[in-house]
Amino acid sequence: MTPTHETITRRLRITGRVQGVGYRWNMARQATALGLRGWVRNRVDGSVDALASGPADAVQALVDWARRGTELARVDGVVVTEMEGAEVLDGFEQRETV
């Protein structure tokens, strides 16, 4: 498979034991290493929400990572939604809980 450089944006909603286990910090680190832009934040319902934008293969690599998570996490599900016209940042940041 040939890597693609098409820029895409995806919203991720991750459920399971994904708060209090370094998930957000590690996702931001992983996204930065992949050269992605966007953000990650905890939600009051216990899930994690993220927006990732960049080359399709790098976004897919982050989605694959999100399904595994950190060593202490237990990922029950990842819902991925295509986003068009979404706010995209320079870099990747951790945001406050919503």
C-alpha atoms as a PDB file:
ATOM      1  CA  MET A   1       0.000   0.000   0.000  1.00  0.00           C
ATOM      2  CA  THR A   2       1.372   3.420  -0.970  1.00  0.00           C
ATOM      3  CA  PRO A   3       1.306   6.087   1.756  1.00  0.00           C
ATOM      4  CA  THR A   4      -1.019   8.965   1.000  1.00  0.00           C
ATOM      5  CA  HIS A   5      -0.301  12.599   1.732  1.00  0.00           C
ATOM      6  CA  GLU A   6      -3.919  13.694   1.478  1.00  0.00           C
ATOM      7  CA  THR A   7      -4.820  15.747   4.572  1.00  0.00           C
ATOM      8  CA  ILE A   8      -7.814  14.410   6.478  1.00  0.00           C
ATOM      9  CA  THR A   9      -9.450  15.272   9.812  1.00  0.00           C
ATOM     10  CA  ARG A  10     -11.068  12.723  12.107  1.00  0.00           C
ATOM     11  CA  ARG A  11     -12.890  13.039  15.436  1.00  0.00           C
ATOM     12  CA  LEU A  12     -12.351  10.162  17.849  1.00  0.00           C
ATOM     13  CA  ARG A  13     -14.489   9.203  20.837  1.00  0.00           C
ATOM     14  CA  ILE A  14     -12.732   6.625  23.015  1.00  0.00           C
ATOM     15  CA  THR A  15     -14.558   4.714  25.745  1.00  0.00           C
ATOM     16  CA  GLY A  16     -13.384   2.344  28.463  1.00  0.00           C
ATOM     17  CA  ARG A  17     -10.915   2.952  31.284  1.00  0.00           C
ATOM     18  CA  VAL A  18      -9.180   5.824  29.511  1.00  0.00           C
ATOM     19  CA  GLN A  19      -8.984   8.500  32.209  1.00  0.00           C
ATOM     20  CA  GLY A  20      -6.418   8.556  34.995  1.00  0.00           C
ATOM     21  CA  VAL A  21      -4.127   6.172  33.085  1.00  0.00           C
ATOM     22  CA  GLY A  22      -2.012   8.647  31.062  1.00  0.00           C
ATOM     23  CA  TYR A  23      -4.126   8.166  27.945  1.00  0.00           C
ATOM     24  CA  ARG A  24      -4.467  11.869  27.037  1.00  0.00           C
ATOM     25  CA  TRP A  25      -0.804  12.665  27.595  1.00  0.00           C
ATOM     26  CA  ASN A  26       0.326   9.640  25.603  1.00  0.00           C
ATOM     27  CA  MET A  27      -2.099  10.349  22.765  1.00  0.00           C
ATOM     28  CA  ALA A  28      -0.769  13.921  22.494  1.00  0.00           C
ATOM     29  CA  ARG A  29       2.780  12.565  22.452  1.00  0.00           C
ATOM     30  CA  GLN A  30       1.904   9.990  19.778  1.00  0.00           C
ATOM     31  CA  ALA A  31       0.063  12.562  17.642  1.00  0.00           C
ATOM     32  CA  THR A  32       2.985  14.994  17.857  1.00  0.00           C
ATOM     33  CA  ALA A  33       5.426  12.243  16.834  1.00  0.00           C
ATOM     34  CA  LEU A  34       3.188  11.525  13.820  1.00  0.00           C
ATOM     35  CA  GLY A  35       3.173  15.221  12.857  1.00  0.00           C
ATOM     36  CA  LEU A  36      -0.570  15.619  13.426  1.00  0.00           C
ATOM     37  CA  ARG A  37      -2.472  18.731  14.435  1.00  0.00           C
ATOM     38  CA  GLY A  38      -5.459  18.830  16.772  1.00  0.00           C
ATOM     39  CA  TRP A  39      -6.375  18.182  20.374  1.00  0.00           C
ATOM     40  CA  VAL A  40      -7.401  15.618  22.985  1.00  0.00           C
ATOM     41  CA  ARG A  41      -9.545  16.074  26.094  1.00  0.00           C
ATOM     42  CA  ASN A  42     -11.335  14.113  28.798  1.00  0.00           C
ATOM     43  CA  ARG A  43     -15.122  14.207  28.963  1.00  0.00           C
ATOM     44  CA  VAL A  44     -17.140  14.244  32.165  1.00  0.00           C
ATOM     45  CA  ASP A  45     -18.777  10.936  31.135  1.00  0.00           C
ATOM     46  CA  GLY A  46     -15.379   9.186  31.453  1.00  0.00           C
ATOM     47  CA  SER A  47     -14.609   9.014  27.736  1.00  0.00           C
ATOM     48  CA  VAL A  48     -11.844  10.779  25.791  1.00  0.00           C
ATOM     49  CA  ASP A  49     -12.521  13.017  22.795  1.00  0.00           C
ATOM     50  CA  ALA A  50      -9.904  13.900  20.163  1.00  0.00           C
ATOM     51  CA  LEU A  51      -9.559  15.695  16.843  1.00  0.00           C
ATOM     52  CA  ALA A  52      -6.661  14.758  14.570  1.00  0.00           C
ATOM     53  CA  SER A  53      -5.694  16.308  11.246  1.00  0.00           C
ATOM     54  CA  GLY A  54      -2.857  15.433   8.916  1.00  0.00           C
ATOM     55  CA  PRO A  55      -1.786  12.899   6.289  1.00  0.00           C
ATOM     56  CA  ALA A  56      -4.274  10.015   6.021  1.00  0.00           C
ATOM     57  CA  ASP A  57      -1.695   7.367   6.922  1.00  0.00           C
ATOM     58  CA  ALA A  58      -0.609   9.284  10.058  1.00  0.00           C
ATOM     59  CA  VAL A  59      -4.227   9.825  11.178  1.00  0.00           C
ATOM     60  CA  GLN A  60      -4.868   6.100  10.681  1.00  0.00           C
ATOM     61  CA  ALA A  61      -1.773   5.291  12.757  1.00  0.00           C
ATOM     62  CA  LEU A  62      -3.205   7.413  15.595  1.00  0.00           C
ATOM     63  CA  VAL A  63      -6.590   5.672  15.287  1.00  0.00           C
ATOM     64  CA  ASP A  64      -4.781   2.316  15.527  1.00  0.00           C
ATOM     65  CA  TRP A  65      -2.908   3.545  18.613  1.00  0.00           C
ATOM     66  CA  ALA A  66      -6.195   4.803  20.140  1.00  0.00           C
ATOM     67  CA  ARG A  67      -7.643   1.289  19.918  1.00  0.00           C
ATOM     68  CA  ARG A  68      -4.714  -0.046  21.999  1.00  0.00           C
ATOM     69  CA  GLY A  69      -4.083   2.913  24.307  1.00  0.00           C
ATOM     70  CA  THR A  70      -1.654   2.864  27.193  1.00  0.00           C
ATOM     71  CA  GLU A  71      -0.569  -0.141  29.213  1.00  0.00           C
ATOM     72  CA  LEU A  72      -2.969   0.760  32.056  1.00  0.00           C
ATOM     73  CA  ALA A  73      -5.905   1.669  29.806  1.00  0.00           C
ATOM     74  CA  ARG A  74      -8.744  -0.617  28.774  1.00  0.00           C
ATOM     75  CA  VAL A  75     -10.212   0.593  25.487  1.00  0.00           C
ATOM     76  CA  ASP A  76     -13.765  -0.656  24.969  1.00  0.00           C
ATOM     77  CA  GLY A  77     -14.482   1.286  21.797  1.00  0.00           C
ATOM     78  CA  VAL A  78     -13.307   3.965  19.384  1.00  0.00           C
ATOM     79  CA  VAL A  79     -15.831   5.795  17.223  1.00  0.00           C
ATOM     80  CA  VAL A  80     -14.211   7.630  14.315  1.00  0.00           C
ATOM     81  CA  THR A  81     -16.096  10.392  12.505  1.00  0.00           C
ATOM     82  CA  GLU A  82     -15.009  12.204   9.331  1.00  0.00           C
ATOM     83  CA  MET A  83     -14.794  15.956   9.900  1.00  0.00           C
ATOM     84  CA  GLU A  84     -14.792  18.631   7.231  1.00  0.00           C
ATOM     85  CA  GLY A  85     -14.158  22.288   7.970  1.00  0.00           C
ATOM     86  CA  ALA A  86     -13.164  21.516  11.575  1.00  0.00           C
ATOM     87  CA  GLU A  87     -11.024  23.891  13.625  1.00  0.00           C
ATOM     88  CA  VAL A  88      -7.438  22.748  13.268  1.00  0.00           C
ATOM     89  CA  LEU A  89      -4.561  24.025  15.367  1.00  0.00           C
ATOM     90  CA  ASP A  90      -0.868  24.360  14.872  1.00  0.00           C
ATOM     91  CA  GLY A  91       0.465  21.386  16.796  1.00  0.00           C
ATOM     92  CA  PHE A  92      -1.431  19.013  19.071  1.00  0.00           C
ATOM     93  CA  GLU A  93      -2.652  20.046  22.514  1.00  0.00           C
ATOM     94  CA  GLN A  94      -4.354  18.655  25.598  1.00  0.00           C
ATOM     95  CA  ARG A  95      -7.544  20.519  26.438  1.00  0.00           C
ATOM     96  CA  GLU A  96      -9.613  20.895  29.571  1.00  0.00           C
ATOM     97  CA  THR A  97     -12.340  18.390  30.434  1.00  0.00           C
ATOM     98  CA  VAL A  98     -15.784  19.089  28.965  1.00  0.00           C
END
